[in-house]
């Protein structure tokens, strides 16, 4: 009693990028949720997020201040972050998500990971936010 429970937070890939690049797009509520989760070493990333970052770089849709491999290696070593593997259960669950959700496999894996862990997904993706509003996922809007 009296101990504050730390909620698990899973960052959508773009939120992870915003956070590490010091982008001011994160709203105060989302930033506070990340900080609270970091204090309990409970900020999660799906294992698909490093792949998404590398794909964005390879397609010229994202520019980083260093090589993408180096950026990812440094980013996943930050204290308080944990990369959640894509287990067989999560992989299968991503194909059986209830309701209407993204057809994008990466977003499906991220949603399935959040559901599997009971984590709140911090995202600015409107389709994922709508999925949360429909009651299929705990979400928190990331952007201002």
N, C-alpha and C. Protein backbone atom coordinates (compact mmCIF):
# COMPACT_ATOMS: atom_id res chain seq x y z
N UNK A 1 0.83 -1.19 0.00
CA UNK A 1 0.00 0.00 0.00
C UNK A 1 0.87 1.24 0.00
N UNK A 2 0.37 2.27 -0.63
CA UNK A 2 1.10 3.51 -0.72
C UNK A 2 2.14 3.53 -1.82
N UNK A 3 2.44 2.36 -2.39
CA UNK A 3 3.42 2.28 -3.47
C UNK A 3 2.73 2.57 -4.79
N UNK A 4 3.27 3.51 -5.54
CA UNK A 4 2.67 3.86 -6.83
C UNK A 4 3.02 2.80 -7.86
N UNK A 5 2.01 2.28 -8.51
CA UNK A 5 2.20 1.28 -9.55
C UNK A 5 2.70 1.97 -10.82
N UNK A 6 3.75 1.44 -11.39
CA UNK A 6 4.29 1.99 -12.64
C UNK A 6 3.63 1.25 -13.79
N UNK A 7 3.01 2.00 -14.68
CA UNK A 7 2.36 1.40 -15.83
C UNK A 7 3.39 1.07 -16.90
N UNK A 8 3.16 -0.04 -17.56
CA UNK A 8 3.99 -0.37 -18.71
C UNK A 8 3.57 0.52 -19.88
N UNK A 9 4.53 1.11 -20.51
CA UNK A 9 4.26 1.93 -21.69
C UNK A 9 5.05 1.35 -22.86
N UNK A 10 4.38 1.19 -23.97
CA UNK A 10 5.03 0.74 -25.20
C UNK A 10 4.99 1.90 -26.18
N UNK A 11 6.14 2.26 -26.71
CA UNK A 11 6.22 3.39 -27.64
C UNK A 11 6.04 2.91 -29.07
N UNK A 12 5.17 3.61 -29.80
CA UNK A 12 5.11 3.40 -31.24
C UNK A 12 6.44 3.89 -31.81
N UNK A 13 6.81 3.38 -32.93
CA UNK A 13 8.13 3.68 -33.50
C UNK A 13 8.36 5.17 -33.67
N UNK A 14 7.38 5.90 -34.18
CA UNK A 14 7.59 7.35 -34.39
C UNK A 14 7.76 8.09 -33.07
N UNK A 15 7.12 7.62 -32.01
CA UNK A 15 7.26 8.26 -30.70
C UNK A 15 8.67 8.02 -30.16
N UNK A 16 9.18 6.83 -30.37
CA UNK A 16 10.57 6.52 -29.97
C UNK A 16 11.54 7.46 -30.68
N UNK A 17 11.34 7.66 -31.97
CA UNK A 17 12.20 8.57 -32.74
C UNK A 17 12.07 10.00 -32.21
N UNK A 18 10.83 10.45 -32.01
CA UNK A 18 10.61 11.81 -31.48
C UNK A 18 11.35 11.99 -30.16
N UNK A 19 11.17 11.04 -29.28
CA UNK A 19 11.75 11.13 -27.94
C UNK A 19 13.28 11.22 -28.00
N UNK A 20 13.89 10.34 -28.75
CA UNK A 20 15.35 10.29 -28.80
C UNK A 20 15.95 11.45 -29.59
N UNK A 21 15.20 12.00 -30.51
CA UNK A 21 15.69 13.15 -31.27
C UNK A 21 15.35 14.48 -30.61
N UNK A 22 14.73 14.42 -29.41
CA UNK A 22 14.39 15.65 -28.70
C UNK A 22 13.31 16.45 -29.39
N UNK A 23 12.50 15.79 -30.19
CA UNK A 23 11.43 16.46 -30.92
C UNK A 23 10.38 17.00 -29.96
N UNK A 24 9.92 18.19 -30.21
CA UNK A 24 8.93 18.83 -29.35
C UNK A 24 7.50 18.43 -29.69
N UNK A 25 7.32 17.38 -30.49
CA UNK A 25 5.98 16.96 -30.89
C UNK A 25 5.23 16.26 -29.76
N UNK A 26 5.94 15.69 -28.79
CA UNK A 26 5.28 14.97 -27.69
C UNK A 26 4.51 15.95 -26.81
N UNK A 27 3.26 15.59 -26.51
CA UNK A 27 2.48 16.44 -25.61
C UNK A 27 2.91 16.17 -24.17
N UNK A 28 2.63 17.11 -23.26
CA UNK A 28 3.08 16.97 -21.87
C UNK A 28 2.57 15.69 -21.18
N UNK A 29 1.35 15.28 -21.45
CA UNK A 29 0.79 14.08 -20.82
C UNK A 29 1.56 12.83 -21.27
N UNK A 30 1.86 12.74 -22.56
CA UNK A 30 2.61 11.60 -23.07
C UNK A 30 4.03 11.60 -22.53
N UNK A 31 4.66 12.77 -22.49
CA UNK A 31 6.02 12.88 -21.97
C UNK A 31 6.07 12.46 -20.50
N UNK A 32 5.07 12.88 -19.74
CA UNK A 32 5.01 12.50 -18.32
C UNK A 32 4.83 10.99 -18.17
N UNK A 33 4.01 10.38 -19.01
CA UNK A 33 3.81 8.93 -18.95
C UNK A 33 5.11 8.19 -19.27
N UNK A 34 5.86 8.70 -20.23
CA UNK A 34 7.15 8.10 -20.58
C UNK A 34 8.12 8.24 -19.41
N UNK A 35 8.20 9.43 -18.84
CA UNK A 35 9.11 9.67 -17.72
C UNK A 35 8.76 8.79 -16.52
N UNK A 36 7.47 8.66 -16.23
CA UNK A 36 7.01 7.82 -15.12
C UNK A 36 7.40 6.35 -15.38
N UNK A 37 7.20 5.91 -16.60
CA UNK A 37 7.55 4.53 -16.95
C UNK A 37 9.06 4.32 -16.94
N UNK A 38 9.82 5.30 -17.39
CA UNK A 38 11.28 5.20 -17.37
C UNK A 38 11.80 5.05 -15.95
N UNK A 39 11.17 5.75 -15.02
CA UNK A 39 11.62 5.67 -13.63
C UNK A 39 11.44 4.26 -13.09
N UNK A 40 10.52 3.51 -13.64
CA UNK A 40 10.32 2.13 -13.22
C UNK A 40 10.90 1.13 -14.20
N UNK A 41 11.74 1.62 -15.12
CA UNK A 41 12.33 0.78 -16.17
C UNK A 41 11.27 -0.02 -16.90
N UNK A 42 10.23 0.67 -17.31
CA UNK A 42 9.09 0.00 -17.91
C UNK A 42 8.71 0.56 -19.27
N UNK A 43 9.62 1.24 -19.95
CA UNK A 43 9.32 1.73 -21.29
C UNK A 43 9.74 0.66 -22.29
N UNK A 44 8.76 0.20 -23.05
CA UNK A 44 8.98 -0.92 -23.95
C UNK A 44 8.98 -0.48 -25.40
N UNK A 45 9.71 -1.23 -26.19
CA UNK A 45 9.72 -1.07 -27.64
C UNK A 45 9.47 -2.45 -28.23
N UNK A 46 8.68 -2.51 -29.25
CA UNK A 46 8.54 -3.77 -29.97
C UNK A 46 9.83 -4.02 -30.75
N UNK A 47 10.19 -5.27 -30.87
CA UNK A 47 11.39 -5.61 -31.65
C UNK A 47 11.25 -5.20 -33.11
N UNK A 48 10.04 -4.91 -33.56
CA UNK A 48 9.84 -4.47 -34.94
C UNK A 48 10.26 -3.00 -35.13
N UNK A 49 10.34 -2.23 -34.05
CA UNK A 49 10.65 -0.79 -34.19
C UNK A 49 12.03 -0.52 -34.77
N UNK A 50 13.10 -1.21 -34.34
CA UNK A 50 14.39 -0.96 -35.01
C UNK A 50 14.33 -1.26 -36.51
N UNK A 51 13.59 -2.29 -36.89
CA UNK A 51 13.42 -2.61 -38.31
C UNK A 51 12.70 -1.45 -39.02
N UNK A 52 11.65 -0.92 -38.39
CA UNK A 52 10.92 0.19 -39.00
C UNK A 52 11.83 1.41 -39.19
N UNK A 53 12.64 1.71 -38.18
CA UNK A 53 13.56 2.85 -38.29
C UNK A 53 14.52 2.62 -39.46
N UNK A 54 15.09 1.44 -39.54
CA UNK A 54 16.02 1.14 -40.64
C UNK A 54 15.34 1.24 -42.00
N UNK A 55 14.09 0.78 -42.09
CA UNK A 55 13.34 0.88 -43.35
C UNK A 55 13.08 2.33 -43.72
N UNK A 56 12.71 3.15 -42.74
CA UNK A 56 12.47 4.57 -43.02
C UNK A 56 13.73 5.24 -43.54
N UNK A 57 14.86 4.91 -42.95
CA UNK A 57 16.14 5.47 -43.40
C UNK A 57 16.44 4.99 -44.82
N UNK A 58 16.27 3.68 -45.06
CA UNK A 58 16.61 3.14 -46.38
C UNK A 58 15.72 3.71 -47.49
N UNK A 59 14.50 4.11 -47.15
CA UNK A 59 13.58 4.69 -48.12
C UNK A 59 13.72 6.21 -48.22
N UNK A 60 14.63 6.79 -47.43
CA UNK A 60 14.84 8.23 -47.47
C UNK A 60 13.76 9.02 -46.76
N UNK A 61 12.94 8.36 -45.93
CA UNK A 61 11.86 9.04 -45.22
C UNK A 61 12.28 9.52 -43.84
N UNK A 62 13.49 9.14 -43.42
CA UNK A 62 14.03 9.55 -42.13
C UNK A 62 15.53 9.74 -42.28
N UNK A 63 16.03 10.84 -41.73
CA UNK A 63 17.45 11.12 -41.71
C UNK A 63 17.89 11.17 -40.26
N UNK A 64 18.94 10.45 -39.94
CA UNK A 64 19.48 10.43 -38.59
C UNK A 64 20.83 11.13 -38.58
N UNK A 65 21.30 11.44 -37.38
CA UNK A 65 22.58 12.14 -37.26
C UNK A 65 23.79 11.20 -37.30
N UNK A 66 23.52 9.91 -37.49
CA UNK A 66 24.59 8.90 -37.59
C UNK A 66 24.05 7.69 -38.34
N UNK A 67 24.88 6.71 -38.57
CA UNK A 67 24.46 5.49 -39.24
C UNK A 67 23.30 4.86 -38.47
N UNK A 68 22.33 4.33 -39.20
CA UNK A 68 21.14 3.78 -38.57
C UNK A 68 21.47 2.63 -37.62
N UNK A 69 22.43 1.78 -37.97
CA UNK A 69 22.82 0.68 -37.09
C UNK A 69 23.37 1.18 -35.76
N UNK A 70 24.20 2.20 -35.85
CA UNK A 70 24.77 2.81 -34.64
C UNK A 70 23.67 3.50 -33.82
N UNK A 71 22.77 4.21 -34.51
CA UNK A 71 21.66 4.91 -33.83
C UNK A 71 20.81 3.90 -33.05
N UNK A 72 20.45 2.81 -33.70
CA UNK A 72 19.61 1.79 -33.06
C UNK A 72 20.34 1.17 -31.88
N UNK A 73 21.61 0.81 -32.05
CA UNK A 73 22.37 0.19 -30.95
C UNK A 73 22.43 1.10 -29.73
N UNK A 74 22.68 2.38 -29.95
CA UNK A 74 22.72 3.32 -28.83
C UNK A 74 21.34 3.53 -28.23
N UNK A 75 20.33 3.59 -29.08
CA UNK A 75 18.97 3.87 -28.62
C UNK A 75 18.40 2.75 -27.75
N UNK A 76 18.72 1.52 -28.08
CA UNK A 76 18.16 0.41 -27.30
C UNK A 76 18.93 0.16 -26.00
N UNK A 77 20.07 0.82 -25.85
CA UNK A 77 20.85 0.66 -24.62
C UNK A 77 20.52 1.71 -23.56
N UNK A 78 19.62 2.63 -23.87
CA UNK A 78 19.29 3.68 -22.91
C UNK A 78 18.62 3.05 -21.69
N UNK A 79 19.11 3.43 -20.52
CA UNK A 79 18.56 2.91 -19.25
C UNK A 79 17.05 3.15 -19.20
N UNK A 80 16.33 2.12 -18.86
CA UNK A 80 14.88 2.24 -18.72
C UNK A 80 14.11 1.74 -19.92
N UNK A 81 14.80 1.52 -21.04
CA UNK A 81 14.14 1.00 -22.23
C UNK A 81 14.36 -0.51 -22.31
N UNK A 82 13.37 -1.20 -22.79
CA UNK A 82 13.50 -2.65 -22.98
C UNK A 82 12.85 -3.02 -24.30
N UNK A 83 13.58 -3.76 -25.11
CA UNK A 83 13.03 -4.24 -26.38
C UNK A 83 12.29 -5.54 -26.09
N UNK A 84 11.02 -5.55 -26.45
CA UNK A 84 10.18 -6.72 -26.24
C UNK A 84 10.24 -7.59 -27.50
N UNK A 85 10.69 -8.83 -27.37
CA UNK A 85 10.79 -9.69 -28.55
C UNK A 85 9.42 -10.01 -29.14
N UNK A 86 9.44 -10.39 -30.38
CA UNK A 86 8.21 -10.85 -31.04
C UNK A 86 8.14 -12.35 -30.79
N UNK A 87 7.41 -12.70 -29.76
CA UNK A 87 7.26 -14.11 -29.40
C UNK A 87 6.31 -14.78 -30.39
N UNK A 88 6.31 -16.10 -30.42
CA UNK A 88 5.33 -16.79 -31.26
C UNK A 88 3.89 -16.39 -30.91
N UNK A 89 3.61 -16.18 -29.62
CA UNK A 89 2.26 -15.77 -29.20
C UNK A 89 1.89 -14.41 -29.77
N UNK A 90 2.82 -13.48 -29.72
CA UNK A 90 2.56 -12.13 -30.26
C UNK A 90 2.41 -12.19 -31.77
N UNK A 91 3.26 -12.96 -32.43
CA UNK A 91 3.17 -13.09 -33.89
C UNK A 91 1.81 -13.62 -34.31
N UNK A 92 1.34 -14.67 -33.64
CA UNK A 92 0.03 -15.23 -33.97
C UNK A 92 -1.08 -14.25 -33.61
N UNK A 93 -0.98 -13.64 -32.44
CA UNK A 93 -2.01 -12.69 -32.00
C UNK A 93 -2.15 -11.52 -32.98
N UNK A 94 -1.05 -11.12 -33.61
CA UNK A 94 -1.10 -9.99 -34.55
C UNK A 94 -1.97 -10.30 -35.77
N UNK A 95 -2.20 -11.58 -36.02
CA UNK A 95 -3.07 -11.97 -37.15
C UNK A 95 -4.51 -12.18 -36.72
N UNK A 96 -4.76 -12.10 -35.42
CA UNK A 96 -6.10 -12.37 -34.87
C UNK A 96 -6.63 -11.22 -34.04
N UNK A 97 -6.18 -10.04 -34.32
CA UNK A 97 -6.63 -8.88 -33.55
C UNK A 97 -8.12 -8.62 -33.80
N UNK A 98 -8.86 -8.34 -32.74
CA UNK A 98 -10.29 -8.08 -32.92
C UNK A 98 -10.54 -6.71 -33.56
N UNK A 99 -11.71 -6.55 -34.11
CA UNK A 99 -12.11 -5.25 -34.64
C UNK A 99 -11.35 -4.85 -35.89
N UNK A 100 -11.45 -3.57 -36.19
CA UNK A 100 -10.84 -2.97 -37.37
C UNK A 100 -9.50 -2.36 -37.00
N UNK A 101 -8.44 -2.82 -37.61
CA UNK A 101 -7.09 -2.29 -37.31
C UNK A 101 -6.28 -2.22 -38.59
N UNK A 102 -5.16 -1.57 -38.48
CA UNK A 102 -4.19 -1.44 -39.56
C UNK A 102 -3.97 -2.74 -40.32
N UNK A 103 -3.69 -2.60 -41.59
CA UNK A 103 -3.23 -3.76 -42.35
C UNK A 103 -1.69 -3.83 -42.32
N UNK A 104 -1.04 -2.75 -41.86
CA UNK A 104 0.41 -2.69 -41.76
C UNK A 104 0.91 -3.72 -40.74
N UNK A 105 1.72 -4.69 -41.18
CA UNK A 105 2.18 -5.74 -40.26
C UNK A 105 2.93 -5.20 -39.04
N UNK A 106 3.74 -4.17 -39.21
CA UNK A 106 4.48 -3.61 -38.07
C UNK A 106 3.53 -3.04 -37.04
N UNK A 107 2.52 -2.30 -37.47
CA UNK A 107 1.55 -1.74 -36.53
C UNK A 107 0.73 -2.84 -35.86
N UNK A 108 0.45 -3.88 -36.57
CA UNK A 108 -0.28 -5.02 -35.99
C UNK A 108 0.57 -5.69 -34.91
N UNK A 109 1.87 -5.85 -35.18
CA UNK A 109 2.77 -6.43 -34.18
C UNK A 109 2.91 -5.54 -32.95
N UNK A 110 2.97 -4.24 -33.17
CA UNK A 110 3.06 -3.30 -32.04
C UNK A 110 1.78 -3.37 -31.21
N UNK A 111 0.63 -3.37 -31.86
CA UNK A 111 -0.65 -3.46 -31.14
C UNK A 111 -0.75 -4.79 -30.39
N UNK A 112 -0.37 -5.88 -31.04
CA UNK A 112 -0.44 -7.19 -30.39
C UNK A 112 0.51 -7.26 -29.19
N UNK A 113 1.67 -6.63 -29.30
CA UNK A 113 2.62 -6.60 -28.19
C UNK A 113 2.03 -5.85 -27.00
N UNK A 114 1.45 -4.67 -27.27
CA UNK A 114 0.84 -3.88 -26.19
C UNK A 114 -0.29 -4.67 -25.53
N UNK A 115 -1.13 -5.30 -26.32
CA UNK A 115 -2.24 -6.10 -25.77
C UNK A 115 -1.71 -7.26 -24.94
N UNK A 116 -0.71 -7.96 -25.45
CA UNK A 116 -0.14 -9.13 -24.78
C UNK A 116 0.42 -8.76 -23.41
N UNK A 117 1.04 -7.59 -23.31
CA UNK A 117 1.68 -7.15 -22.08
C UNK A 117 0.77 -6.33 -21.18
N UNK A 118 -0.39 -5.95 -21.69
CA UNK A 118 -1.28 -5.07 -20.93
C UNK A 118 -0.70 -3.67 -20.81
N UNK A 119 0.12 -3.29 -21.79
CA UNK A 119 0.79 -1.99 -21.78
C UNK A 119 -0.07 -0.94 -22.49
N UNK A 120 0.18 0.31 -22.14
CA UNK A 120 -0.46 1.40 -22.85
C UNK A 120 0.43 1.74 -24.04
N UNK A 121 -0.18 1.87 -25.22
CA UNK A 121 0.56 2.22 -26.42
C UNK A 121 0.54 3.73 -26.59
N UNK A 122 1.71 4.33 -26.59
CA UNK A 122 1.82 5.78 -26.80
C UNK A 122 2.09 5.98 -28.27
N UNK A 123 1.14 6.61 -28.94
CA UNK A 123 1.18 6.74 -30.40
C UNK A 123 0.51 8.02 -30.85
N UNK A 124 0.80 8.42 -32.05
CA UNK A 124 0.08 9.52 -32.68
C UNK A 124 -0.60 9.03 -33.96
N UNK A 125 -0.59 7.73 -34.16
CA UNK A 125 -1.21 7.10 -35.32
C UNK A 125 -2.73 7.05 -35.09
N UNK A 126 -3.47 7.77 -35.89
CA UNK A 126 -4.91 7.89 -35.66
C UNK A 126 -5.63 6.55 -35.75
N UNK A 127 -5.20 5.66 -36.64
CA UNK A 127 -5.84 4.35 -36.73
C UNK A 127 -5.65 3.55 -35.45
N UNK A 128 -4.48 3.63 -34.86
CA UNK A 128 -4.24 2.94 -33.59
C UNK A 128 -4.99 3.61 -32.44
N UNK A 129 -5.05 4.92 -32.46
CA UNK A 129 -5.83 5.63 -31.44
C UNK A 129 -7.31 5.26 -31.53
N UNK A 130 -7.82 5.17 -32.76
CA UNK A 130 -9.21 4.75 -32.96
C UNK A 130 -9.43 3.32 -32.47
N UNK A 131 -8.45 2.47 -32.69
CA UNK A 131 -8.51 1.10 -32.23
C UNK A 131 -8.61 1.06 -30.69
N UNK A 132 -7.87 1.96 -30.07
CA UNK A 132 -7.95 2.09 -28.61
C UNK A 132 -9.30 2.61 -28.16
N UNK A 133 -9.81 3.61 -28.85
CA UNK A 133 -11.13 4.16 -28.53
C UNK A 133 -12.21 3.09 -28.64
N UNK A 134 -12.04 2.17 -29.57
CA UNK A 134 -13.00 1.07 -29.75
C UNK A 134 -12.89 0.03 -28.63
N UNK A 135 -11.92 0.20 -27.74
CA UNK A 135 -11.79 -0.67 -26.59
C UNK A 135 -10.90 -1.88 -26.77
N UNK A 136 -10.14 -1.91 -27.86
CA UNK A 136 -9.30 -3.08 -28.14
C UNK A 136 -7.87 -2.94 -27.61
N UNK A 137 -7.52 -1.74 -27.17
CA UNK A 137 -6.13 -1.46 -26.83
C UNK A 137 -6.11 -0.23 -25.93
N UNK A 138 -5.21 -0.20 -24.96
CA UNK A 138 -5.02 1.01 -24.16
C UNK A 138 -4.07 1.91 -24.94
N UNK A 139 -4.50 3.14 -25.20
CA UNK A 139 -3.65 4.05 -25.97
C UNK A 139 -3.58 5.41 -25.27
N UNK A 140 -2.54 6.13 -25.60
CA UNK A 140 -2.38 7.51 -25.17
C UNK A 140 -1.86 8.30 -26.35
N UNK A 141 -2.56 9.39 -26.67
CA UNK A 141 -2.16 10.23 -27.81
C UNK A 141 -0.83 10.90 -27.48
N UNK A 142 0.10 10.78 -28.39
CA UNK A 142 1.45 11.28 -28.17
C UNK A 142 1.64 12.73 -28.59
N UNK A 143 1.01 13.12 -29.69
CA UNK A 143 1.29 14.44 -30.27
C UNK A 143 0.52 15.57 -29.63
N UNK A 144 0.99 16.74 -29.95
CA UNK A 144 0.35 17.96 -29.42
C UNK A 144 -0.94 18.25 -30.14
